[in-house]
N, C-alpha and C. Protein backbone atom coordinates (compact mmCIF):
# COMPACT_ATOMS: atom_id res chain seq x y z
N UNK A 1 11.07 8.87 139.37
CA UNK A 1 10.77 9.71 138.22
C UNK A 1 11.35 11.11 138.39
N UNK A 2 11.38 11.58 139.66
CA UNK A 2 11.95 12.90 139.90
C UNK A 2 13.42 12.94 139.51
N UNK A 3 14.15 11.87 139.85
CA UNK A 3 15.58 11.83 139.51
C UNK A 3 15.78 11.81 138.00
N UNK A 4 14.94 11.06 137.29
CA UNK A 4 15.05 11.02 135.83
C UNK A 4 14.77 12.41 135.26
N UNK A 5 13.76 13.08 135.78
CA UNK A 5 13.45 14.43 135.32
C UNK A 5 14.59 15.40 135.58
N UNK A 6 15.23 15.26 136.74
CA UNK A 6 16.34 16.17 137.06
C UNK A 6 17.57 15.87 136.23
N UNK A 7 17.82 14.61 135.93
CA UNK A 7 18.93 14.29 135.04
C UNK A 7 18.70 14.98 133.70
N UNK A 8 17.46 14.91 133.21
CA UNK A 8 17.13 15.56 131.93
C UNK A 8 17.28 17.07 132.03
N UNK A 9 16.73 17.67 133.07
CA UNK A 9 16.79 19.13 133.23
C UNK A 9 18.24 19.61 133.31
N UNK A 10 19.02 18.98 134.16
CA UNK A 10 20.41 19.39 134.32
C UNK A 10 21.20 19.20 133.03
N UNK A 11 20.89 18.14 132.30
CA UNK A 11 21.55 17.90 131.02
C UNK A 11 21.22 18.99 130.00
N UNK A 12 19.96 19.38 129.96
CA UNK A 12 19.56 20.44 129.02
C UNK A 12 20.21 21.78 129.37
N UNK A 13 20.23 22.12 130.65
CA UNK A 13 20.83 23.39 131.06
C UNK A 13 22.35 23.35 130.85
N UNK A 14 22.98 22.23 131.17
CA UNK A 14 24.43 22.11 130.96
C UNK A 14 24.76 22.23 129.47
N UNK A 15 23.94 21.63 128.62
CA UNK A 15 24.14 21.74 127.17
C UNK A 15 24.08 23.21 126.75
N UNK A 16 23.07 23.92 127.25
CA UNK A 16 22.95 25.35 126.91
C UNK A 16 24.12 26.15 127.47
N UNK A 17 24.61 25.79 128.65
CA UNK A 17 25.77 26.49 129.22
C UNK A 17 27.00 26.28 128.35
N UNK A 18 27.21 25.07 127.87
CA UNK A 18 28.37 24.80 127.01
C UNK A 18 28.26 25.56 125.69
N UNK A 19 27.04 25.76 125.20
CA UNK A 19 26.82 26.51 123.95
C UNK A 19 26.94 28.01 124.16
N UNK A 20 26.98 28.44 125.44
CA UNK A 20 27.08 29.86 125.73
C UNK A 20 25.75 30.57 125.74
N UNK A 21 24.66 29.83 125.84
CA UNK A 21 23.32 30.42 125.89
C UNK A 21 23.22 31.33 127.12
N UNK A 22 22.92 32.59 126.87
CA UNK A 22 22.88 33.59 127.95
C UNK A 22 21.89 33.25 129.04
N UNK A 23 20.73 32.70 128.69
CA UNK A 23 19.71 32.38 129.70
C UNK A 23 20.21 31.29 130.65
N UNK A 24 20.99 30.35 130.16
CA UNK A 24 21.49 29.26 131.00
C UNK A 24 22.62 29.72 131.93
N UNK A 25 23.22 30.86 131.61
CA UNK A 25 24.34 31.34 132.42
C UNK A 25 23.89 31.91 133.76
N UNK A 26 22.58 32.09 133.95
CA UNK A 26 22.09 32.62 135.23
C UNK A 26 22.16 31.57 136.34
N UNK A 27 22.39 30.33 135.95
CA UNK A 27 22.54 29.24 136.91
C UNK A 27 24.03 29.00 137.15
N UNK A 28 24.38 28.43 138.32
CA UNK A 28 25.79 28.08 138.52
C UNK A 28 26.21 27.05 137.47
N UNK A 29 27.49 27.03 137.15
CA UNK A 29 28.00 26.09 136.16
C UNK A 29 27.74 24.67 136.64
N UNK A 30 26.95 23.94 135.87
CA UNK A 30 26.62 22.57 136.25
C UNK A 30 27.16 21.55 135.25
N UNK A 31 28.01 21.98 134.35
CA UNK A 31 28.46 21.08 133.29
C UNK A 31 29.17 19.84 133.85
N UNK A 32 30.06 20.00 134.78
CA UNK A 32 30.78 18.85 135.34
C UNK A 32 29.97 18.14 136.43
N UNK A 33 29.42 18.93 137.36
CA UNK A 33 28.66 18.31 138.44
C UNK A 33 27.42 17.60 137.92
N UNK A 34 26.80 18.14 136.89
CA UNK A 34 25.62 17.50 136.31
C UNK A 34 25.95 16.15 135.70
N UNK A 35 27.12 16.06 135.08
CA UNK A 35 27.56 14.79 134.49
C UNK A 35 27.78 13.74 135.59
N UNK A 36 28.40 14.16 136.68
CA UNK A 36 28.62 13.26 137.81
C UNK A 36 27.28 12.82 138.39
N UNK A 37 26.37 13.79 138.58
CA UNK A 37 25.04 13.51 139.11
C UNK A 37 24.31 12.49 138.25
N UNK A 38 24.35 12.68 136.93
CA UNK A 38 23.68 11.76 136.02
C UNK A 38 24.22 10.34 136.15
N UNK A 39 25.54 10.22 136.28
CA UNK A 39 26.14 8.90 136.46
C UNK A 39 25.73 8.24 137.76
N UNK A 40 25.81 9.00 138.84
CA UNK A 40 25.44 8.46 140.16
C UNK A 40 23.98 8.06 140.21
N UNK A 41 23.11 8.97 139.82
CA UNK A 41 21.68 8.71 139.89
C UNK A 41 21.24 7.67 138.88
N UNK A 42 21.83 7.71 137.70
CA UNK A 42 21.49 6.71 136.68
C UNK A 42 21.79 5.31 137.19
N UNK A 43 22.96 5.13 137.77
CA UNK A 43 23.32 3.82 138.33
C UNK A 43 22.38 3.44 139.48
N UNK A 44 22.04 4.40 140.32
CA UNK A 44 21.15 4.13 141.45
C UNK A 44 19.76 3.72 140.96
N UNK A 45 19.27 4.40 139.93
CA UNK A 45 17.95 4.08 139.38
C UNK A 45 17.96 2.68 138.79
N UNK A 46 19.00 2.33 138.06
CA UNK A 46 19.13 0.99 137.49
C UNK A 46 19.10 -0.05 138.61
N UNK A 47 19.87 0.17 139.65
CA UNK A 47 19.95 -0.77 140.77
C UNK A 47 18.60 -0.89 141.49
N UNK A 48 18.02 0.27 141.84
CA UNK A 48 16.78 0.27 142.62
C UNK A 48 15.59 -0.29 141.83
N UNK A 49 15.55 0.00 140.53
CA UNK A 49 14.41 -0.42 139.72
C UNK A 49 14.56 -1.83 139.16
N UNK A 50 15.81 -2.28 139.06
CA UNK A 50 16.05 -3.58 138.45
C UNK A 50 15.90 -3.56 136.93
N UNK A 51 15.74 -2.37 136.37
CA UNK A 51 15.60 -2.23 134.92
C UNK A 51 16.98 -2.12 134.28
N UNK A 52 17.11 -2.58 133.04
CA UNK A 52 18.39 -2.44 132.34
C UNK A 52 18.73 -0.97 132.08
N UNK A 53 20.02 -0.70 131.93
CA UNK A 53 20.48 0.68 131.66
C UNK A 53 19.79 1.26 130.44
N UNK A 54 19.55 0.43 129.44
CA UNK A 54 18.93 0.91 128.21
C UNK A 54 17.52 1.45 128.47
N UNK A 55 16.79 0.82 129.36
CA UNK A 55 15.43 1.28 129.69
C UNK A 55 15.49 2.62 130.41
N UNK A 56 16.44 2.76 131.33
CA UNK A 56 16.59 4.02 132.08
C UNK A 56 17.06 5.12 131.14
N UNK A 57 17.99 4.79 130.25
CA UNK A 57 18.47 5.79 129.26
C UNK A 57 17.32 6.26 128.37
N UNK A 58 16.45 5.34 127.98
CA UNK A 58 15.29 5.71 127.17
C UNK A 58 14.36 6.63 127.96
N UNK A 59 14.14 6.32 129.22
CA UNK A 59 13.29 7.18 130.06
C UNK A 59 13.87 8.58 130.19
N UNK A 60 15.18 8.69 130.31
CA UNK A 60 15.84 10.00 130.40
C UNK A 60 15.67 10.75 129.08
N UNK A 61 15.89 10.07 127.95
CA UNK A 61 15.72 10.72 126.64
C UNK A 61 14.27 11.19 126.45
N UNK A 62 13.31 10.38 126.89
CA UNK A 62 11.91 10.78 126.79
C UNK A 62 11.61 12.00 127.67
N UNK A 63 12.23 12.05 128.84
CA UNK A 63 12.06 13.21 129.72
C UNK A 63 12.66 14.46 129.09
N UNK A 64 13.82 14.33 128.47
CA UNK A 64 14.44 15.46 127.77
C UNK A 64 13.49 15.96 126.68
N UNK A 65 12.97 15.05 125.87
CA UNK A 65 12.07 15.43 124.78
C UNK A 65 10.81 16.11 125.33
N UNK A 66 10.28 15.56 126.40
CA UNK A 66 9.08 16.14 127.00
C UNK A 66 9.32 17.54 127.54
N UNK A 67 10.46 17.73 128.20
CA UNK A 67 10.79 19.05 128.73
C UNK A 67 11.03 20.05 127.60
N UNK A 68 11.70 19.62 126.55
CA UNK A 68 11.93 20.52 125.41
C UNK A 68 10.60 20.93 124.78
N UNK A 69 9.70 19.97 124.63
CA UNK A 69 8.39 20.27 124.04
C UNK A 69 7.61 21.26 124.92
N UNK A 70 7.62 21.03 126.23
CA UNK A 70 6.91 21.94 127.14
C UNK A 70 7.52 23.34 127.10
N UNK A 71 8.84 23.41 127.03
CA UNK A 71 9.51 24.72 126.97
C UNK A 71 9.14 25.45 125.68
N UNK A 72 9.13 24.72 124.57
CA UNK A 72 8.78 25.33 123.29
C UNK A 72 7.34 25.82 123.30
N UNK A 73 6.46 25.03 123.89
CA UNK A 73 5.03 25.36 123.91
C UNK A 73 4.65 26.29 125.06
N UNK A 74 5.61 26.70 125.85
CA UNK A 74 5.31 27.54 127.02
C UNK A 74 4.78 28.91 126.61
N UNK A 75 5.11 29.35 125.42
CA UNK A 75 4.63 30.66 124.97
C UNK A 75 5.78 31.62 124.82
N UNK A 76 5.73 32.69 125.58
CA UNK A 76 6.73 33.75 125.47
C UNK A 76 8.07 33.31 126.06
N UNK A 77 9.09 34.10 125.78
CA UNK A 77 10.41 33.83 126.36
C UNK A 77 10.33 33.86 127.89
N UNK A 78 9.56 34.78 128.44
CA UNK A 78 9.42 34.88 129.90
C UNK A 78 8.77 33.63 130.47
N UNK A 79 7.79 33.08 129.78
CA UNK A 79 7.13 31.86 130.25
C UNK A 79 8.07 30.65 130.13
N UNK A 80 8.86 30.64 129.07
CA UNK A 80 9.83 29.55 128.89
C UNK A 80 10.88 29.60 129.99
N UNK A 81 11.35 30.80 130.30
CA UNK A 81 12.34 30.96 131.37
C UNK A 81 11.74 30.57 132.71
N UNK A 82 10.48 30.95 132.95
CA UNK A 82 9.81 30.58 134.20
C UNK A 82 9.66 29.07 134.32
N UNK A 83 9.40 28.40 133.22
CA UNK A 83 9.28 26.93 133.21
C UNK A 83 10.61 26.30 133.61
N UNK A 84 11.70 26.74 132.99
CA UNK A 84 13.03 26.19 133.31
C UNK A 84 13.42 26.55 134.74
N UNK A 85 13.13 27.77 135.17
CA UNK A 85 13.42 28.16 136.55
C UNK A 85 12.72 27.25 137.55
N UNK A 86 11.47 26.88 137.25
CA UNK A 86 10.73 25.99 138.13
C UNK A 86 11.37 24.62 138.23
N UNK A 87 11.81 24.10 137.09
CA UNK A 87 12.50 22.81 137.10
C UNK A 87 13.81 22.88 137.87
N UNK A 88 14.57 23.95 137.61
CA UNK A 88 15.87 24.08 138.28
C UNK A 88 15.71 24.32 139.78
N UNK A 89 14.64 24.96 140.20
CA UNK A 89 14.41 25.17 141.63
C UNK A 89 14.27 23.84 142.36
N UNK A 90 13.75 22.83 141.67
CA UNK A 90 13.62 21.49 142.26
C UNK A 90 14.91 20.70 142.16
N UNK A 91 15.64 20.89 141.05
CA UNK A 91 16.78 20.03 140.76
C UNK A 91 18.11 20.51 141.33
N UNK A 92 18.32 21.82 141.43
CA UNK A 92 19.60 22.30 141.97
C UNK A 92 19.85 21.83 143.40
N UNK A 93 18.85 21.85 144.30
CA UNK A 93 19.11 21.34 145.65
C UNK A 93 19.47 19.85 145.65
N UNK A 94 18.86 19.08 144.75
CA UNK A 94 19.19 17.66 144.65
C UNK A 94 20.61 17.48 144.15
N UNK A 95 21.01 18.29 143.17
CA UNK A 95 22.38 18.25 142.66
C UNK A 95 23.36 18.61 143.78
N UNK A 96 23.07 19.69 144.50
CA UNK A 96 23.96 20.13 145.58
C UNK A 96 24.09 19.07 146.67
N UNK A 97 23.01 18.34 146.95
CA UNK A 97 23.06 17.30 147.97
C UNK A 97 23.90 16.10 147.53
N UNK A 98 23.82 15.76 146.26
CA UNK A 98 24.55 14.59 145.74
C UNK A 98 25.99 14.91 145.37
N UNK A 99 26.18 16.08 144.76
CA UNK A 99 27.51 16.47 144.26
C UNK A 99 27.76 17.90 144.71
N UNK A 100 28.22 18.07 145.97
CA UNK A 100 28.43 19.43 146.49
C UNK A 100 29.43 20.22 145.65
N UNK A 101 29.25 21.52 145.66
CA UNK A 101 30.18 22.41 144.96
C UNK A 101 31.54 22.31 145.63
N UNK A 102 32.58 22.38 144.83
CA UNK A 102 33.93 22.42 145.38
C UNK A 102 34.18 23.80 145.95
N UNK A 103 34.83 23.84 147.09
CA UNK A 103 35.17 25.11 147.71
C UNK A 103 36.34 25.74 146.96
N UNK A 104 36.25 27.02 146.68
CA UNK A 104 37.34 27.76 146.07
C UNK A 104 38.36 28.04 147.19
N UNK A 105 39.60 27.54 147.07
CA UNK A 105 40.58 27.72 148.14
C UNK A 105 40.81 29.18 148.51
N UNK A 106 40.63 30.08 147.54
CA UNK A 106 40.85 31.50 147.83
C UNK A 106 39.72 32.08 148.68
N UNK A 107 38.57 31.43 148.68
CA UNK A 107 37.44 31.94 149.43
C UNK A 107 37.31 31.32 150.81
N UNK A 108 38.11 30.31 151.10
CA UNK A 108 38.03 29.65 152.39
C UNK A 108 38.65 30.52 153.46
N UNK A 109 38.08 30.44 154.65
CA UNK A 109 38.62 31.20 155.78
C UNK A 109 39.97 30.60 156.16
N UNK A 110 40.90 31.43 156.57
CA UNK A 110 42.19 30.89 156.98
C UNK A 110 42.04 30.07 158.26
N UNK A 111 42.92 29.10 158.39
CA UNK A 111 42.92 28.27 159.60
C UNK A 111 43.28 29.14 160.80
N UNK A 112 42.56 28.96 161.92
CA UNK A 112 42.91 29.74 163.10
C UNK A 112 44.30 29.33 163.60
N UNK A 113 45.05 30.31 164.01
CA UNK A 113 46.39 30.02 164.53
C UNK A 113 46.32 29.93 166.04
N UNK A 114 47.11 29.02 166.56
CA UNK A 114 47.14 28.88 168.03
C UNK A 114 47.84 30.08 168.61
N UNK A 115 47.35 30.52 169.75
CA UNK A 115 47.99 31.64 170.43
C UNK A 115 49.34 31.16 170.95
N UNK A 116 50.32 32.01 170.81
CA UNK A 116 51.64 31.65 171.28
C UNK A 116 51.63 31.67 172.80
N UNK A 117 52.25 30.67 173.38
CA UNK A 117 52.35 30.60 174.84
C UNK A 117 53.39 31.60 175.31
N UNK A 118 53.06 32.38 176.31
CA UNK A 118 54.01 33.36 176.84
C UNK A 118 54.55 32.82 178.15
N UNK A 119 55.87 32.93 178.33
CA UNK A 119 56.48 32.42 179.57
C UNK A 119 56.09 33.20 180.79
């Protein structure tokens, strides 16, 4: 159930990031990695549960609807943000474990060079 919830959470945040929602921009870009995560975990859930893809897809849609309802009913904008932050605090580490961030080649340390042998 945790994986289904995280698929829903990451999907909602990625949707908001694609729309340019300022609140969603405080998280790292998850639009591509979230899609990969959903595919990997969705397939794993289908395999592990023995349930058809349609049943798992329905569970994910229900989780999305439930999270949206809770966010709407959270109250103030600050409470809504705190709700999403709590979900993302659980889901980002799972995303990072399954689909690590790609290293930016410009940020990687240079390869150490061998010392030249002196005669």
